[in-house]
Amino acid sequence: MPFAYYKRLKPKQKKIYAQSDAISFLRLPPTGILRPVLSQMEEALKEGHRERTEEKVQQFASYLCEMLRSSKVRVKVLERRPSNGGGELHGLYEYEPGERLPLITVWMRTARRIQPVAFRTFLRTVFHEILHHLDYHLFKFEDSFHTEGFYKRESSLVYQLLGKDASENFGSKAL
């Protein structure tokens, strides 16, 4: 069942939405190389090291894109989440065809308390923004919509990388 905003889409957009919604799983090749990077990312985030966190997120995104045979993406990790009356922004994917590499921006500290974001929340945001990138560069969609299939692909990545018990592998609660 499409999300409520589906009704406002133009016919071409509805076609892209349906294509996205139809893909519910993204199979990864063996992920052993990613696990140490995730552990290092978690450590850097918990210690509040922005540059090291950014380095590990970039390394993770590069490995993942390479594994999936997708084009590269740049990553920027910033300190404090921007917020307004509508809430806090967790991540952002920026892509303009023909310009520089696409850019993923994530924030490592909450807007209100300015404390490091919980690792599982941060990681889920990273996955989410990478999926927007994959929609454009792996699946070749002209747009990237939040569909049920999109969220299922996100969950499939989390499950494949972290398994049922993320707390056992990475010191965080299970996703």
C-alpha atoms as a PDB file:
ATOM      1  CA  MET A   1       0.000   0.000   0.000  1.00  0.00           C
ATOM      2  CA  PRO A   2       1.585   3.326  -1.041  1.00  0.00           C
ATOM      3  CA  PHE A   3       2.328   6.029   1.500  1.00  0.00           C
ATOM      4  CA  ALA A   4      -0.041   9.028   1.652  1.00  0.00           C
ATOM      5  CA  TYR A   5       2.152  11.327  -0.436  1.00  0.00           C
ATOM      6  CA  TYR A   6       1.823   8.912  -3.381  1.00  0.00           C
ATOM      7  CA  LYS A   7      -1.449  10.626  -4.380  1.00  0.00           C
ATOM      8  CA  ARG A   8       0.410  13.894  -5.047  1.00  0.00           C
ATOM      9  CA  LEU A   9       2.966  12.310  -7.400  1.00  0.00           C
ATOM     10  CA  LYS A  10       2.897  12.781 -11.162  1.00  0.00           C
ATOM     11  CA  PRO A  11       2.451   9.657 -13.343  1.00  0.00           C
ATOM     12  CA  LYS A  12       6.195   9.421 -14.108  1.00  0.00           C
ATOM     13  CA  GLN A  13       6.978   9.646 -10.386  1.00  0.00           C
ATOM     14  CA  LYS A  14       4.374   6.986  -9.588  1.00  0.00           C
ATOM     15  CA  LYS A  15       6.148   4.646 -11.987  1.00  0.00           C
ATOM     16  CA  ILE A  16       9.480   5.225 -10.202  1.00  0.00           C
ATOM     17  CA  TYR A  17       7.732   4.778  -6.846  1.00  0.00           C
ATOM     18  CA  ALA A  18       6.342   1.407  -7.992  1.00  0.00           C
ATOM     19  CA  GLN A  19       9.779   0.277  -9.212  1.00  0.00           C
ATOM     20  CA  SER A  20      11.333   1.213  -5.884  1.00  0.00           C
ATOM     21  CA  ASP A  21       8.554  -0.412  -3.912  1.00  0.00           C
ATOM     22  CA  ALA A  22       9.014  -3.684  -5.829  1.00  0.00           C
ATOM     23  CA  ILE A  23      12.615  -4.123  -4.597  1.00  0.00           C
ATOM     24  CA  SER A  24      12.484  -5.264  -0.985  1.00  0.00           C
ATOM     25  CA  PHE A  25      15.858  -6.928  -0.496  1.00  0.00           C
ATOM     26  CA  LEU A  26      19.427  -6.040  -1.349  1.00  0.00           C
ATOM     27  CA  ARG A  27      21.783  -9.021  -1.137  1.00  0.00           C
ATOM     28  CA  LEU A  28      25.305  -8.271  -0.030  1.00  0.00           C
ATOM     29  CA  PRO A  29      28.357 -10.359  -0.853  1.00  0.00           C
ATOM     30  CA  PRO A  30      30.337 -11.602   2.186  1.00  0.00           C
ATOM     31  CA  THR A  31      30.669  -8.629   4.534  1.00  0.00           C
ATOM     32  CA  GLY A  32      33.693  -9.542   6.669  1.00  0.00           C
ATOM     33  CA  ILE A  33      35.637  -6.462   5.583  1.00  0.00           C
ATOM     34  CA  LEU A  34      32.832  -4.179   6.828  1.00  0.00           C
ATOM     35  CA  ARG A  35      32.547  -5.467  10.392  1.00  0.00           C
ATOM     36  CA  PRO A  36      35.844  -4.027  11.697  1.00  0.00           C
ATOM     37  CA  VAL A  37      35.002  -0.687  10.086  1.00  0.00           C
ATOM     38  CA  LEU A  38      31.624  -0.664  11.834  1.00  0.00           C
ATOM     39  CA  SER A  39      33.296  -1.350  15.182  1.00  0.00           C
ATOM     40  CA  GLN A  40      35.779   1.463  14.605  1.00  0.00           C
ATOM     41  CA  MET A  41      32.963   3.781  13.517  1.00  0.00           C
ATOM     42  CA  GLU A  42      31.048   3.021  16.708  1.00  0.00           C
ATOM     43  CA  GLU A  43      34.114   3.665  18.858  1.00  0.00           C
ATOM     44  CA  ALA A  44      34.891   6.984  17.132  1.00  0.00           C
ATOM     45  CA  LEU A  45      31.273   8.130  17.466  1.00  0.00           C
ATOM     46  CA  LYS A  46      31.061   7.245  21.160  1.00  0.00           C
ATOM     47  CA  GLU A  47      34.319   9.088  21.820  1.00  0.00           C
ATOM     48  CA  GLY A  48      33.003  12.128  19.946  1.00  0.00           C
ATOM     49  CA  HIS A  49      35.800  12.225  17.336  1.00  0.00           C
ATOM     50  CA  ARG A  50      34.210  13.890  14.318  1.00  0.00           C
ATOM     51  CA  GLU A  51      37.126  13.481  11.892  1.00  0.00           C
ATOM     52  CA  ARG A  52      37.664   9.819  12.757  1.00  0.00           C
ATOM     53  CA  THR A  53      33.923   9.131  12.578  1.00  0.00           C
ATOM     54  CA  GLU A  54      33.819  10.752   9.142  1.00  0.00           C
ATOM     55  CA  GLU A  55      36.817   8.697   8.011  1.00  0.00           C
ATOM     56  CA  LYS A  56      35.134   5.443   9.087  1.00  0.00           C
ATOM     57  CA  VAL A  57      31.769   6.338   7.556  1.00  0.00           C
ATOM     58  CA  GLN A  58      33.553   7.215   4.289  1.00  0.00           C
ATOM     59  CA  GLN A  59      35.466   3.937   4.396  1.00  0.00           C
ATOM     60  CA  PHE A  60      32.262   2.010   5.084  1.00  0.00           C
ATOM     61  CA  ALA A  61      30.345   3.763   2.272  1.00  0.00           C
ATOM     62  CA  SER A  62      33.219   3.230  -0.173  1.00  0.00           C
ATOM     63  CA  TYR A  63      33.492  -0.476   0.627  1.00  0.00           C
ATOM     64  CA  LEU A  64      29.730  -0.949   0.406  1.00  0.00           C
ATOM     65  CA  CYS A  65      29.442   0.870  -2.937  1.00  0.00           C
ATOM     66  CA  GLU A  66      32.373  -1.121  -4.306  1.00  0.00           C
ATOM     67  CA  MET A  67      30.852  -4.405  -3.115  1.00  0.00           C
ATOM     68  CA  LEU A  68      27.570  -3.544  -4.836  1.00  0.00           C
ATOM     69  CA  ARG A  69      29.315  -2.239  -7.962  1.00  0.00           C
ATOM     70  CA  SER A  70      27.865   1.216  -7.529  1.00  0.00           C
ATOM     71  CA  SER A  71      29.551   4.555  -8.142  1.00  0.00           C
ATOM     72  CA  LYS A  72      31.352   6.369  -5.343  1.00  0.00           C
ATOM     73  CA  VAL A  73      29.843   8.800  -2.885  1.00  0.00           C
ATOM     74  CA  ARG A  74      31.445  11.430  -0.646  1.00  0.00           C
ATOM     75  CA  VAL A  75      30.633  11.507   3.055  1.00  0.00           C
ATOM     76  CA  LYS A  76      30.635  14.440   5.427  1.00  0.00           C
ATOM     77  CA  VAL A  77      30.046  14.063   9.163  1.00  0.00           C
ATOM     78  CA  LEU A  78      29.114  17.238  10.968  1.00  0.00           C
ATOM     79  CA  GLU A  79      28.885  17.906  14.692  1.00  0.00           C
ATOM     80  CA  ARG A  80      25.423  19.067  15.735  1.00  0.00           C
ATOM     81  CA  ARG A  81      22.150  18.236  14.000  1.00  0.00           C
ATOM     82  CA  PRO A  82      20.240  21.187  12.638  1.00  0.00           C
ATOM     83  CA  SER A  83      16.729  21.554  13.988  1.00  0.00           C
ATOM     84  CA  ASN A  84      13.619  23.630  13.617  1.00  0.00           C
ATOM     85  CA  GLY A  85      10.056  23.409  14.865  1.00  0.00           C
ATOM     86  CA  GLY A  86       9.564  20.246  12.779  1.00  0.00           C
ATOM     87  CA  GLY A  87      12.388  18.291  14.419  1.00  0.00           C
ATOM     88  CA  GLU A  88      16.019  17.410  13.838  1.00  0.00           C
ATOM     89  CA  LEU A  89      17.652  16.547  10.523  1.00  0.00           C
ATOM     90  CA  HIS A  90      19.522  13.236  10.807  1.00  0.00           C
ATOM     91  CA  GLY A  91      20.998  12.884   7.337  1.00  0.00           C
ATOM     92  CA  LEU A  92      20.967  14.360   3.867  1.00  0.00           C
ATOM     93  CA  TYR A  93      21.726  13.008   0.390  1.00  0.00           C
ATOM     94  CA  GLU A  94      22.624  15.545  -2.289  1.00  0.00           C
ATOM     95  CA  TYR A  95      22.935  14.602  -5.926  1.00  0.00           C
ATOM     96  CA  GLU A  96      22.989  16.745  -9.038  1.00  0.00           C
ATOM     97  CA  PRO A  97      23.638  14.770 -12.231  1.00  0.00           C
ATOM     98  CA  GLY A  98      26.804  15.885 -14.000  1.00  0.00           C
ATOM     99  CA  GLU A  99      28.263  17.638 -10.967  1.00  0.00           C
ATOM    100  CA  ARG A 100      30.771  16.439  -8.359  1.00  0.00           C
ATOM    101  CA  LEU A 101      30.377  13.148  -6.563  1.00  0.00           C
ATOM    102  CA  PRO A 102      27.084  12.806  -4.681  1.00  0.00           C
ATOM    103  CA  LEU A 103      27.316  13.841  -1.033  1.00  0.00           C
ATOM    104  CA  ILE A 104      25.969  12.177   2.084  1.00  0.00           C
ATOM    105  CA  THR A 105      25.898  14.355   5.186  1.00  0.00           C
ATOM    106  CA  VAL A 106      25.153  12.928   8.629  1.00  0.00           C
ATOM    107  CA  TRP A 107      25.301  14.576  12.039  1.00  0.00           C
ATOM    108  CA  MET A 108      26.919  12.921  15.029  1.00  0.00           C
ATOM    109  CA  ARG A 109      25.425  14.926  17.909  1.00  0.00           C
ATOM    110  CA  THR A 110      21.859  15.613  18.919  1.00  0.00           C
ATOM    111  CA  ALA A 111      20.596  19.173  18.494  1.00  0.00           C
ATOM    112  CA  ARG A 112      19.239  19.617  22.000  1.00  0.00           C
ATOM    113  CA  ARG A 113      21.682  17.834  24.306  1.00  0.00           C
ATOM    114  CA  ILE A 114      24.659  17.988  21.944  1.00  0.00           C
ATOM    115  CA  GLN A 115      25.628  14.434  22.896  1.00  0.00           C
ATOM    116  CA  PRO A 116      26.786  11.747  20.451  1.00  0.00           C
ATOM    117  CA  VAL A 117      23.881  10.081  18.673  1.00  0.00           C
ATOM    118  CA  ALA A 118      23.222   6.466  19.673  1.00  0.00           C
ATOM    119  CA  PHE A 119      25.234   4.234  17.351  1.00  0.00           C
ATOM    120  CA  ARG A 120      22.279   2.255  16.026  1.00  0.00           C
ATOM    121  CA  THR A 121      20.439   5.489  15.170  1.00  0.00           C
ATOM    122  CA  PHE A 122      23.537   6.907  13.506  1.00  0.00           C
ATOM    123  CA  LEU A 123      24.168   3.708  11.548  1.00  0.00           C
ATOM    124  CA  ARG A 124      20.555   3.476  10.437  1.00  0.00           C
ATOM    125  CA  THR A 125      20.854   7.049   9.123  1.00  0.00           C
ATOM    126  CA  VAL A 126      24.039   6.143   7.227  1.00  0.00           C
ATOM    127  CA  PHE A 127      22.277   3.124   5.671  1.00  0.00           C
ATOM    128  CA  HIS A 128      19.285   5.301   4.776  1.00  0.00           C
ATOM    129  CA  GLU A 129      21.385   7.897   2.939  1.00  0.00           C
ATOM    130  CA  ILE A 130      23.453   5.230   1.159  1.00  0.00           C
ATOM    131  CA  LEU A 131      20.190   3.707  -0.057  1.00  0.00           C
ATOM    132  CA  HIS A 132      19.219   7.014  -1.647  1.00  0.00           C
ATOM    133  CA  HIS A 133      22.576   6.878  -3.439  1.00  0.00           C
ATOM    134  CA  LEU A 134      21.947   3.300  -4.571  1.00  0.00           C
ATOM    135  CA  ASP A 135      18.497   4.229  -5.871  1.00  0.00           C
ATOM    136  CA  TYR A 136      20.139   6.640  -8.312  1.00  0.00           C
ATOM    137  CA  HIS A 137      23.372   4.831  -9.112  1.00  0.00           C
ATOM    138  CA  LEU A 138      22.669   1.115  -8.752  1.00  0.00           C
ATOM    139  CA  PHE A 139      18.984   0.906  -9.663  1.00  0.00           C
ATOM    140  CA  LYS A 140      19.187   3.920 -12.010  1.00  0.00           C
ATOM    141  CA  PHE A 141      15.965   5.490 -10.728  1.00  0.00           C
ATOM    142  CA  GLU A 142      15.408   9.117 -11.719  1.00  0.00           C
ATOM    143  CA  ASP A 143      14.273   9.864  -8.173  1.00  0.00           C
ATOM    144  CA  SER A 144      14.531   8.240  -4.751  1.00  0.00           C
ATOM    145  CA  PHE A 145      11.301   7.875  -2.826  1.00  0.00           C
ATOM    146  CA  HIS A 146      10.594   6.629   0.679  1.00  0.00           C
ATOM    147  CA  THR A 147       8.605   3.529  -0.215  1.00  0.00           C
ATOM    148  CA  GLU A 148       7.860   0.384   1.719  1.00  0.00           C
ATOM    149  CA  GLY A 149      10.423  -1.344  -0.502  1.00  0.00           C
ATOM    150  CA  PHE A 150      13.016   1.331   0.347  1.00  0.00           C
ATOM    151  CA  TYR A 151      12.592   0.687   4.079  1.00  0.00           C
ATOM    152  CA  LYS A 152      12.675  -3.080   3.542  1.00  0.00           C
ATOM    153  CA  ARG A 153      15.977  -2.711   1.643  1.00  0.00           C
ATOM    154  CA  GLU A 154      17.307  -0.640   4.532  1.00  0.00           C
ATOM    155  CA  SER A 155      16.304  -3.347   7.009  1.00  0.00           C
ATOM    156  CA  SER A 156      17.809  -6.056   4.791  1.00  0.00           C
ATOM    157  CA  LEU A 157      21.180  -4.280   4.884  1.00  0.00           C
ATOM    158  CA  VAL A 158      21.050  -3.846   8.654  1.00  0.00           C
ATOM    159  CA  TYR A 159      20.148  -7.496   9.177  1.00  0.00           C
ATOM    160  CA  GLN A 160      22.876  -8.791   6.854  1.00  0.00           C
ATOM    161  CA  LEU A 161      25.561  -6.655   8.453  1.00  0.00           C
ATOM    162  CA  LEU A 162      24.554  -6.850  12.079  1.00  0.00           C
ATOM    163  CA  GLY A 163      22.477  -9.997  12.321  1.00  0.00           C
ATOM    164  CA  LYS A 164      19.805 -10.553  14.923  1.00  0.00           C
ATOM    165  CA  ASP A 165      21.857  -9.399  17.869  1.00  0.00           C
ATOM    166  CA  ALA A 166      23.717  -6.195  17.111  1.00  0.00           C
ATOM    167  CA  SER A 167      24.510  -5.784  20.806  1.00  0.00           C
ATOM    168  CA  GLU A 168      26.650  -8.925  20.785  1.00  0.00           C
ATOM    169  CA  ASN A 169      28.629  -7.774  17.760  1.00  0.00           C
ATOM    170  CA  PHE A 170      28.912  -4.036  18.330  1.00  0.00           C
ATOM    171  CA  GLY A 171      27.955  -3.176  21.881  1.00  0.00           C
ATOM    172  CA  SER A 172      24.653  -1.589  20.827  1.00  0.00           C
ATOM    173  CA  LYS A 173      21.086  -2.740  21.288  1.00  0.00           C
ATOM    174  CA  ALA A 174      19.697  -4.841  18.484  1.00  0.00           C
ATOM    175  CA  LEU A 175      18.185  -2.912  15.585  1.00  0.00           C
END
